[in-house]
Each structure stands twice: as C-alpha cells, then as structure tokens.
Amino acid sequence: MKSIDTNIDNWLLYSVLGREILSKERQFYSNNIDKLFGIYSLQIGLPEINVFQGNKIVNHYHIGVDIFCSGRYLPFTDNSIDLIIMPHYLEQHNDYKYVLNEVTRILTPNGVLIISCFNSQSLLNLRRKSQRRLDKVNFINLSELKSNLINNKLSIIGGKFFSYCPPFHKASRLKKYNFLNKIGDRWLPTFANSYALICRKNVTNINSIKLKPNLRNINPDLRTVSKCQNN
C-alpha cells in the first residue's frame, strides 16, 4: 500500500473551500461524540487539530502527534480502542482497504468509527486539478466505501454530506453560491464535496452447539449394563 504524495491537511486548513468543509465536519464530529464513552480514543489524520473536543474519553492518542506510525500497522492490541475518527485519511492511500482492516482490528466490539472523505461525485473532484494540493488525491466512491465497511463487519449507523459550493479560490465567489448549501441536502445530496460516515463494530456471538449422542458408537457391553440397571 503506497501513500499518495498530497497535502490534504494544508488544503483543508488554509484554502477557502477547505476551511468551510472542515468547519462543517468538525461540527458534525462534536454533535456525535459528546455522549460516547470508553477508555481510549484515537485520531488518525489532521495532526494539526484535535477533533475530539467535547468527548468524555480522557485517554486520547493522535497519530502524528503522540504516536508516529503507518495507518497500515497501528501499535495497539486487538479490540482496544473505543472511538476512532479518521478525517480525510483514507483518500491519502491508493488502497485504503489495508487501513480499514487495521482499524477494525483495534476497534472494541461495539466501538465507533467516524470517517470523513472527499466525494468522488462532487464538483470538487471534477475540478481538483485546479486545486493544487488535491490533484493526486484518491476521491473515494461512497457506495464502494460502504461495501468495504460492511465487509469489515462494520455497521453504518449514521452519516452526513457537507458543502455543495464549487471549488472557488475567493471567499466572495464562494459566498455568492452559498445558497447551494441550503438546498444541497434536499436536492443535491450525492453531489456534496465531502461526506462522513458513523460506523459501529459488530459483536460476533458464538453459540455453543450441543451434539446429540451417537448410540451407534457406544460400546455394546455398556448399553447392556445400562439396560440391566434400568430393569
């Protein structure tokens, strides 16, 4: 799995449209993690900011700040992290399935995973060559991502689309088309610039199976003794 040579973080933090998208996504995180509890939380992506503001989990790890490692090899034991947020991390890899496998491994049963990605069907994707830091980004198809999450035994329990404005460089032009954000969720949801999904790791119930005794395999002498005792 090779990382894509890109700089998504700088685009989100400093471009006009990037700041708008990030602001909406951070509000979404805050609204959905304030009542989630556990022992450990993990942020993968955007090391410049903390997206866990408002969450009650005290033990928080941040890849790129507290721990330096690849998303393909996370230094945590199986079923150890209660809440994971990945803001725009998957699209930095050519094959993000390895990252999903690793994240699922460390997530606790019933643990929550929140992912945000750029939308492959957006105007931003069509015009990404005009956005210097996004020209090599792997925009992820929403349906494809949902299928991969389900294959990893993750249930999708929520989600949201964000930002419908064209990728303008000037704030004045972006403001002119702000009306698209008001009608987007109703009329243009699949064309949003980004989206987020909330997932929960499924619990596998192991049911014990009781085998019926096979009388044909019982020693004949023992069956005779049993009959005599009954008589």
C-alpha atoms as a PDB file:
ATOM      1  CA  MET A   1       0.000   0.000   0.000  1.00  0.00           C
ATOM      2  CA  LYS A   2       1.574   3.284  -1.118  1.00  0.00           C
ATOM      3  CA  SER A   3       0.715   6.706   0.232  1.00  0.00           C
ATOM      4  CA  ILE A   4      -0.269   9.370  -2.259  1.00  0.00           C
ATOM      5  CA  ASP A   5       2.013  12.392  -2.476  1.00  0.00           C
ATOM      6  CA  THR A   6      -0.500  15.019  -1.423  1.00  0.00           C
ATOM      7  CA  ASN A   7      -1.129  17.715   1.155  1.00  0.00           C
ATOM      8  CA  ILE A   8      -4.782  17.421   2.085  1.00  0.00           C
ATOM      9  CA  ASP A   9      -4.233  18.906   5.537  1.00  0.00           C
ATOM     10  CA  ASN A  10      -2.932  22.231   4.224  1.00  0.00           C
ATOM     11  CA  TRP A  11      -5.788  22.475   1.737  1.00  0.00           C
ATOM     12  CA  LEU A  12      -8.376  21.903   4.479  1.00  0.00           C
ATOM     13  CA  LEU A  13      -6.713  24.341   6.863  1.00  0.00           C
ATOM     14  CA  TYR A  14      -5.833  27.209   4.529  1.00  0.00           C
ATOM     15  CA  SER A  15      -7.963  27.192   1.361  1.00  0.00           C
ATOM     16  CA  VAL A  16     -11.323  28.980   1.325  1.00  0.00           C
ATOM     17  CA  LEU A  17     -13.425  25.940   0.473  1.00  0.00           C
ATOM     18  CA  GLY A  18     -11.276  23.650   2.629  1.00  0.00           C
ATOM     19  CA  ARG A  19     -11.933  25.732   5.742  1.00  0.00           C
ATOM     20  CA  GLU A  20     -15.670  25.674   5.038  1.00  0.00           C
ATOM     21  CA  ILE A  21     -15.709  21.885   4.641  1.00  0.00           C
ATOM     22  CA  LEU A  22     -13.567  21.328   7.729  1.00  0.00           C
ATOM     23  CA  SER A  23     -15.738  23.624   9.836  1.00  0.00           C
ATOM     24  CA  LYS A  24     -18.883  21.683   8.932  1.00  0.00           C
ATOM     25  CA  GLU A  25     -17.189  18.331   9.550  1.00  0.00           C
ATOM     26  CA  ARG A  26     -15.856  19.373  12.952  1.00  0.00           C
ATOM     27  CA  GLN A  27     -19.340  20.431  13.995  1.00  0.00           C
ATOM     28  CA  PHE A  28     -20.600  17.018  12.903  1.00  0.00           C
ATOM     29  CA  TYR A  29     -17.935  15.264  14.987  1.00  0.00           C
ATOM     30  CA  SER A  30     -18.786  17.339  18.021  1.00  0.00           C
ATOM     31  CA  ASN A  31     -22.507  16.634  17.724  1.00  0.00           C
ATOM     32  CA  ASN A  32     -21.960  12.871  17.543  1.00  0.00           C
ATOM     33  CA  ILE A  33     -19.212  12.165  20.076  1.00  0.00           C
ATOM     34  CA  ASP A  34     -20.318  14.191  23.086  1.00  0.00           C
ATOM     35  CA  LYS A  35     -22.241  11.237  24.551  1.00  0.00           C
ATOM     36  CA  LEU A  36     -19.799   8.476  23.601  1.00  0.00           C
ATOM     37  CA  PHE A  37     -17.826   6.917  26.440  1.00  0.00           C
ATOM     38  CA  GLY A  38     -14.951   4.491  26.769  1.00  0.00           C
ATOM     39  CA  ILE A  39     -11.350   4.179  27.880  1.00  0.00           C
ATOM     40  CA  TYR A  40      -9.325   5.026  24.748  1.00  0.00           C
ATOM     41  CA  SER A  41      -9.872   7.151  21.639  1.00  0.00           C
ATOM     42  CA  LEU A  42      -7.703   7.566  18.552  1.00  0.00           C
ATOM     43  CA  GLN A  43      -7.441  10.221  15.836  1.00  0.00           C
ATOM     44  CA  ILE A  44      -5.862   9.270  12.517  1.00  0.00           C
ATOM     45  CA  GLY A  45      -5.360  12.236  10.213  1.00  0.00           C
ATOM     46  CA  LEU A  46      -5.156  16.038  10.538  1.00  0.00           C
ATOM     47  CA  PRO A  47      -2.474  16.137  13.256  1.00  0.00           C
ATOM     48  CA  GLU A  48      -2.739  19.948  13.360  1.00  0.00           C
ATOM     49  CA  ILE A  49      -6.093  19.923  15.176  1.00  0.00           C
ATOM     50  CA  ASN A  50      -7.959  17.902  17.796  1.00  0.00           C
ATOM     51  CA  VAL A  51     -11.344  16.679  16.549  1.00  0.00           C
ATOM     52  CA  PHE A  52     -12.325  15.138  19.899  1.00  0.00           C
ATOM     53  CA  GLN A  53     -13.383  18.368  21.594  1.00  0.00           C
ATOM     54  CA  GLY A  54     -16.428  17.710  23.771  1.00  0.00           C
ATOM     55  CA  ASN A  55     -15.813  13.978  24.124  1.00  0.00           C
ATOM     56  CA  LYS A  56     -15.545  12.493  27.631  1.00  0.00           C
ATOM     57  CA  ILE A  57     -12.838   9.900  26.863  1.00  0.00           C
ATOM     58  CA  VAL A  58      -9.677  11.036  28.658  1.00  0.00           C
ATOM     59  CA  ASN A  59      -7.086   8.682  27.145  1.00  0.00           C
ATOM     60  CA  HIS A  60      -6.665  10.107  23.664  1.00  0.00           C
ATOM     61  CA  TYR A  61      -3.990   9.163  21.126  1.00  0.00           C
ATOM     62  CA  HIS A  62      -3.230  11.148  17.992  1.00  0.00           C
ATOM     63  CA  ILE A  63      -1.256   9.610  15.137  1.00  0.00           C
ATOM     64  CA  GLY A  64       1.353  12.130  14.053  1.00  0.00           C
ATOM     65  CA  VAL A  65       1.416  13.842  17.442  1.00  0.00           C
ATOM     66  CA  ASP A  66       1.604  11.223  20.205  1.00  0.00           C
ATOM     67  CA  ILE A  67       2.498   8.238  18.039  1.00  0.00           C
ATOM     68  CA  PHE A  68       4.303   8.127  14.698  1.00  0.00           C
ATOM     69  CA  CYS A  69       3.375   5.103  12.613  1.00  0.00           C
ATOM     70  CA  SER A  70       1.710   3.963   9.413  1.00  0.00           C
ATOM     71  CA  GLY A  71      -2.041   3.503   9.281  1.00  0.00           C
ATOM     72  CA  ARG A  72      -1.369   0.016   7.998  1.00  0.00           C
ATOM     73  CA  TYR A  73       0.438  -1.036  11.193  1.00  0.00           C
ATOM     74  CA  LEU A  74      -1.145   0.528  14.268  1.00  0.00           C
ATOM     75  CA  PRO A  75       0.705  -0.255  17.541  1.00  0.00           C
ATOM     76  CA  PHE A  76      -2.410  -1.213  19.509  1.00  0.00           C
ATOM     77  CA  THR A  77      -3.708  -4.585  20.642  1.00  0.00           C
ATOM     78  CA  ASP A  78      -6.859  -6.143  19.219  1.00  0.00           C
ATOM     79  CA  ASN A  79     -10.173  -4.742  20.487  1.00  0.00           C
ATOM     80  CA  SER A  80      -8.529  -1.939  22.477  1.00  0.00           C
ATOM     81  CA  ILE A  81      -9.808   1.426  21.112  1.00  0.00           C
ATOM     82  CA  ASP A  82     -13.376   2.562  21.840  1.00  0.00           C
ATOM     83  CA  LEU A  83     -13.623   5.518  19.448  1.00  0.00           C
ATOM     84  CA  ILE A  84     -11.668   6.281  16.263  1.00  0.00           C
ATOM     85  CA  ILE A  85     -12.030   9.328  13.998  1.00  0.00           C
ATOM     86  CA  MET A  86     -10.308   9.452  10.608  1.00  0.00           C
ATOM     87  CA  PRO A  87     -10.663  12.888   8.981  1.00  0.00           C
ATOM     88  CA  HIS A  88      -9.584  12.629   5.330  1.00  0.00           C
ATOM     89  CA  TYR A  89      -7.027   9.894   5.851  1.00  0.00           C
ATOM     90  CA  LEU A  90      -8.294   7.076   3.644  1.00  0.00           C
ATOM     91  CA  GLU A  91      -8.050   9.086   0.421  1.00  0.00           C
ATOM     92  CA  GLN A  92      -4.334   9.568   1.026  1.00  0.00           C
ATOM     93  CA  HIS A  93      -3.757   5.905   0.099  1.00  0.00           C
ATOM     94  CA  ASN A  94      -4.068   4.075  -3.199  1.00  0.00           C
ATOM     95  CA  ASP A  95      -5.529   1.032  -1.453  1.00  0.00           C
ATOM     96  CA  TYR A  96      -7.268   2.092   1.739  1.00  0.00           C
ATOM     97  CA  LYS A  97      -8.609  -1.414   2.488  1.00  0.00           C
ATOM     98  CA  TYR A  98      -5.464  -2.225   4.454  1.00  0.00           C
ATOM     99  CA  VAL A  99      -6.128   0.761   6.712  1.00  0.00           C
ATOM    100  CA  LEU A 100      -9.746  -0.320   7.227  1.00  0.00           C
ATOM    101  CA  ASN A 101      -8.613  -3.821   8.180  1.00  0.00           C
ATOM    102  CA  GLU A 102      -6.208  -2.463  10.759  1.00  0.00           C
ATOM    103  CA  VAL A 103      -8.690  -0.001  12.208  1.00  0.00           C
ATOM    104  CA  THR A 104     -11.329  -2.722  12.527  1.00  0.00           C
ATOM    105  CA  ARG A 105      -8.821  -4.939  14.304  1.00  0.00           C
ATOM    106  CA  ILE A 106      -8.102  -2.464  17.095  1.00  0.00           C
ATOM    107  CA  LEU A 107     -11.671  -1.208  17.498  1.00  0.00           C
ATOM    108  CA  THR A 108     -13.505  -2.666  20.502  1.00  0.00           C
ATOM    109  CA  PRO A 109     -16.738  -4.644  19.972  1.00  0.00           C
ATOM    110  CA  ASN A 110     -19.497  -2.028  19.652  1.00  0.00           C
ATOM    111  CA  GLY A 111     -16.746   0.588  19.249  1.00  0.00           C
ATOM    112  CA  VAL A 112     -17.443   3.579  16.993  1.00  0.00           C
ATOM    113  CA  LEU A 113     -15.530   4.650  13.883  1.00  0.00           C
ATOM    114  CA  ILE A 114     -16.160   8.005  12.155  1.00  0.00           C
ATOM    115  CA  ILE A 115     -14.727   8.557   8.679  1.00  0.00           C
ATOM    116  CA  SER A 116     -14.797  11.698   6.535  1.00  0.00           C
ATOM    117  CA  CYS A 117     -13.792  11.685   2.854  1.00  0.00           C
ATOM    118  CA  PHE A 118     -13.978  13.771  -0.287  1.00  0.00           C
ATOM    119  CA  ASN A 119     -16.840  12.725  -2.542  1.00  0.00           C
ATOM    120  CA  SER A 120     -15.928  11.230  -5.917  1.00  0.00           C
ATOM    121  CA  GLN A 121     -19.165  12.592  -7.479  1.00  0.00           C
ATOM    122  CA  SER A 122     -18.581  16.196  -6.416  1.00  0.00           C
ATOM    123  CA  LEU A 123     -17.712  19.302  -8.409  1.00  0.00           C
ATOM    124  CA  LEU A 124     -14.568  19.395  -6.315  1.00  0.00           C
ATOM    125  CA  ASN A 125     -13.456  16.119  -7.860  1.00  0.00           C
ATOM    126  CA  LEU A 126     -14.216  17.352 -11.373  1.00  0.00           C
ATOM    127  CA  ARG A 127     -12.154  20.482 -10.759  1.00  0.00           C
ATOM    128  CA  ARG A 128      -9.497  19.033  -8.478  1.00  0.00           C
ATOM    129  CA  LYS A 129      -6.696  19.738 -10.942  1.00  0.00           C
ATOM    130  CA  SER A 130      -7.362  23.421 -10.299  1.00  0.00           C
ATOM    131  CA  GLN A 131      -6.769  22.760  -6.587  1.00  0.00           C
ATOM    132  CA  ARG A 132      -3.004  22.397  -6.396  1.00  0.00           C
ATOM    133  CA  ARG A 133      -2.927  20.220  -3.266  1.00  0.00           C
ATOM    134  CA  LEU A 134      -5.736  17.865  -4.333  1.00  0.00           C
ATOM    135  CA  ASP A 135      -4.711  16.879  -7.853  1.00  0.00           C
ATOM    136  CA  LYS A 136      -3.413  13.474  -6.724  1.00  0.00           C
ATOM    137  CA  VAL A 137      -5.995  12.719  -4.040  1.00  0.00           C
ATOM    138  CA  ASN A 138      -7.872   9.409  -4.248  1.00  0.00           C
ATOM    139  CA  PHE A 139     -11.503  10.589  -4.115  1.00  0.00           C
ATOM    140  CA  ILE A 140     -13.495   7.642  -2.730  1.00  0.00           C
ATOM    141  CA  ASN A 141     -16.837   6.497  -4.087  1.00  0.00           C
ATOM    142  CA  LEU A 142     -19.400   6.409  -1.275  1.00  0.00           C
ATOM    143  CA  SER A 143     -21.055   3.141  -2.352  1.00  0.00           C
ATOM    144  CA  GLU A 144     -17.674   1.435  -2.626  1.00  0.00           C
ATOM    145  CA  LEU A 145     -16.679   2.593   0.843  1.00  0.00           C
ATOM    146  CA  LYS A 146     -19.959   1.376   2.336  1.00  0.00           C
ATOM    147  CA  SER A 147     -19.410  -2.076   0.821  1.00  0.00           C
ATOM    148  CA  ASN A 148     -15.883  -2.269   2.217  1.00  0.00           C
ATOM    149  CA  LEU A 149     -17.091  -1.225   5.665  1.00  0.00           C
ATOM    150  CA  ILE A 150     -19.758  -3.916   5.663  1.00  0.00           C
ATOM    151  CA  ASN A 151     -17.181  -6.486   4.538  1.00  0.00           C
ATOM    152  CA  ASN A 152     -15.145  -5.499   7.602  1.00  0.00           C
ATOM    153  CA  LYS A 153     -18.095  -6.287   9.890  1.00  0.00           C
ATOM    154  CA  LEU A 154     -18.875  -2.616  10.499  1.00  0.00           C
ATOM    155  CA  SER A 155     -22.476  -1.406  10.619  1.00  0.00           C
ATOM    156  CA  ILE A 156     -23.213   2.082   9.264  1.00  0.00           C
ATOM    157  CA  ILE A 157     -25.356   3.879  11.856  1.00  0.00           C
ATOM    158  CA  GLY A 158     -25.232   7.465  10.592  1.00  0.00           C
ATOM    159  CA  GLY A 159     -23.716   9.940   8.183  1.00  0.00           C
ATOM    160  CA  LYS A 160     -23.955  13.329   6.522  1.00  0.00           C
ATOM    161  CA  PHE A 161     -22.976  15.231   3.365  1.00  0.00           C
ATOM    162  CA  PHE A 162     -21.103  18.550   3.533  1.00  0.00           C
ATOM    163  CA  SER A 163     -20.683  21.594   1.274  1.00  0.00           C
ATOM    164  CA  TYR A 164     -22.110  21.972  -2.232  1.00  0.00           C
ATOM    165  CA  CYS A 165     -20.271  25.086  -3.429  1.00  0.00           C
ATOM    166  CA  PRO A 166     -17.979  24.954  -6.472  1.00  0.00           C
ATOM    167  CA  PRO A 167     -14.239  24.981  -5.680  1.00  0.00           C
ATOM    168  CA  PHE A 168     -13.629  28.734  -5.952  1.00  0.00           C
ATOM    169  CA  HIS A 169     -10.441  30.309  -4.642  1.00  0.00           C
ATOM    170  CA  LYS A 170     -12.017  33.590  -3.498  1.00  0.00           C
ATOM    171  CA  ALA A 171     -14.291  33.901  -0.478  1.00  0.00           C
ATOM    172  CA  SER A 172     -16.520  36.428  -2.276  1.00  0.00           C
ATOM    173  CA  ARG A 173     -17.379  33.964  -5.045  1.00  0.00           C
ATOM    174  CA  LEU A 174     -17.932  31.179  -2.525  1.00  0.00           C
ATOM    175  CA  LYS A 175     -20.326  33.404  -0.599  1.00  0.00           C
ATOM    176  CA  LYS A 176     -22.257  34.116  -3.792  1.00  0.00           C
ATOM    177  CA  TYR A 177     -23.045  30.415  -4.190  1.00  0.00           C
ATOM    178  CA  ASN A 178     -23.752  29.781  -0.521  1.00  0.00           C
ATOM    179  CA  PHE A 179     -27.408  29.143  -1.388  1.00  0.00           C
ATOM    180  CA  LEU A 180     -26.325  25.727  -2.717  1.00  0.00           C
ATOM    181  CA  ASN A 181     -25.533  24.658   0.840  1.00  0.00           C
ATOM    182  CA  LYS A 182     -29.131  25.442   1.833  1.00  0.00           C
ATOM    183  CA  ILE A 183     -30.708  23.323  -0.887  1.00  0.00           C
ATOM    184  CA  GLY A 184     -27.989  20.701  -1.259  1.00  0.00           C
ATOM    185  CA  ASP A 185     -29.148  18.217   1.365  1.00  0.00           C
ATOM    186  CA  ARG A 186     -32.628  18.220  -0.158  1.00  0.00           C
ATOM    187  CA  TRP A 187     -31.923  18.348  -3.880  1.00  0.00           C
ATOM    188  CA  LEU A 188     -28.245  17.515  -4.465  1.00  0.00           C
ATOM    189  CA  PRO A 189     -27.078  15.197  -1.648  1.00  0.00           C
ATOM    190  CA  THR A 190     -24.934  12.864  -3.736  1.00  0.00           C
ATOM    191  CA  PHE A 191     -23.001  15.803  -5.259  1.00  0.00           C
ATOM    192  CA  ALA A 192     -21.660  17.157  -1.954  1.00  0.00           C
ATOM    193  CA  ASN A 193     -17.952  17.928  -1.735  1.00  0.00           C
ATOM    194  CA  SER A 194     -17.425  15.598   1.220  1.00  0.00           C
ATOM    195  CA  TYR A 195     -19.250  13.145   3.449  1.00  0.00           C
ATOM    196  CA  ALA A 196     -18.886  11.434   6.815  1.00  0.00           C
ATOM    197  CA  LEU A 197     -19.989   8.002   7.992  1.00  0.00           C
ATOM    198  CA  ILE A 198     -20.510   6.729  11.534  1.00  0.00           C
ATOM    199  CA  CYS A 199     -19.861   3.005  11.948  1.00  0.00           C
ATOM    200  CA  ARG A 200     -20.114   0.527  14.792  1.00  0.00           C
ATOM    201  CA  LYS A 201     -18.126  -2.673  15.067  1.00  0.00           C
ATOM    202  CA  ASN A 202     -20.406  -5.680  15.138  1.00  0.00           C
ATOM    203  CA  VAL A 203     -20.251  -8.123  18.017  1.00  0.00           C
ATOM    204  CA  THR A 204     -19.844 -11.739  16.969  1.00  0.00           C
ATOM    205  CA  ASN A 205     -21.910 -14.048  19.140  1.00  0.00           C
ATOM    206  CA  ILE A 206     -20.518 -17.554  19.427  1.00  0.00           C
ATOM    207  CA  ASN A 207     -23.270 -20.056  20.208  1.00  0.00           C
ATOM    208  CA  SER A 208     -22.222 -23.396  21.632  1.00  0.00           C
ATOM    209  CA  ILE A 209     -23.646 -26.363  19.741  1.00  0.00           C
ATOM    210  CA  LYS A 210     -24.646 -29.423  21.725  1.00  0.00           C
ATOM    211  CA  LEU A 211     -24.120 -32.637  19.809  1.00  0.00           C
ATOM    212  CA  LYS A 212     -26.607 -35.466  20.165  1.00  0.00           C
ATOM    213  CA  PRO A 213     -25.038 -38.708  21.389  1.00  0.00           C
ATOM    214  CA  ASN A 214     -24.462 -41.251  18.688  1.00  0.00           C
ATOM    215  CA  LEU A 215     -25.620 -44.553  20.171  1.00  0.00           C
ATOM    216  CA  ARG A 216     -24.015 -46.486  17.388  1.00  0.00           C
ATOM    217  CA  ASN A 217     -20.591 -45.568  18.723  1.00  0.00           C
ATOM    218  CA  ILE A 218     -21.334 -46.757  22.280  1.00  0.00           C
ATOM    219  CA  ASN A 219     -19.743 -49.994  23.420  1.00  0.00           C
ATOM    220  CA  PRO A 220     -22.413 -52.754  23.235  1.00  0.00           C
ATOM    221  CA  ASP A 221     -21.425 -54.056  26.677  1.00  0.00           C
ATOM    222  CA  LEU A 222     -22.061 -50.650  28.220  1.00  0.00           C
ATOM    223  CA  ARG A 223     -25.511 -50.474  26.653  1.00  0.00           C
ATOM    224  CA  THR A 224     -26.312 -53.896  28.080  1.00  0.00           C
ATOM    225  CA  VAL A 225     -25.226 -52.828  31.563  1.00  0.00           C
ATOM    226  CA  SER A 226     -27.333 -49.697  31.276  1.00  0.00           C
ATOM    227  CA  LYS A 227     -30.420 -51.730  30.381  1.00  0.00           C
ATOM    228  CA  CYS A 228     -29.853 -54.100  33.271  1.00  0.00           C
ATOM    229  CA  GLN A 229     -29.572 -51.208  35.709  1.00  0.00           C
ATOM    230  CA  ASN A 230     -32.810 -49.741  34.451  1.00  0.00           C
ATOM    231  CA  ASN A 231     -34.607 -53.049  34.965  1.00  0.00           C
END
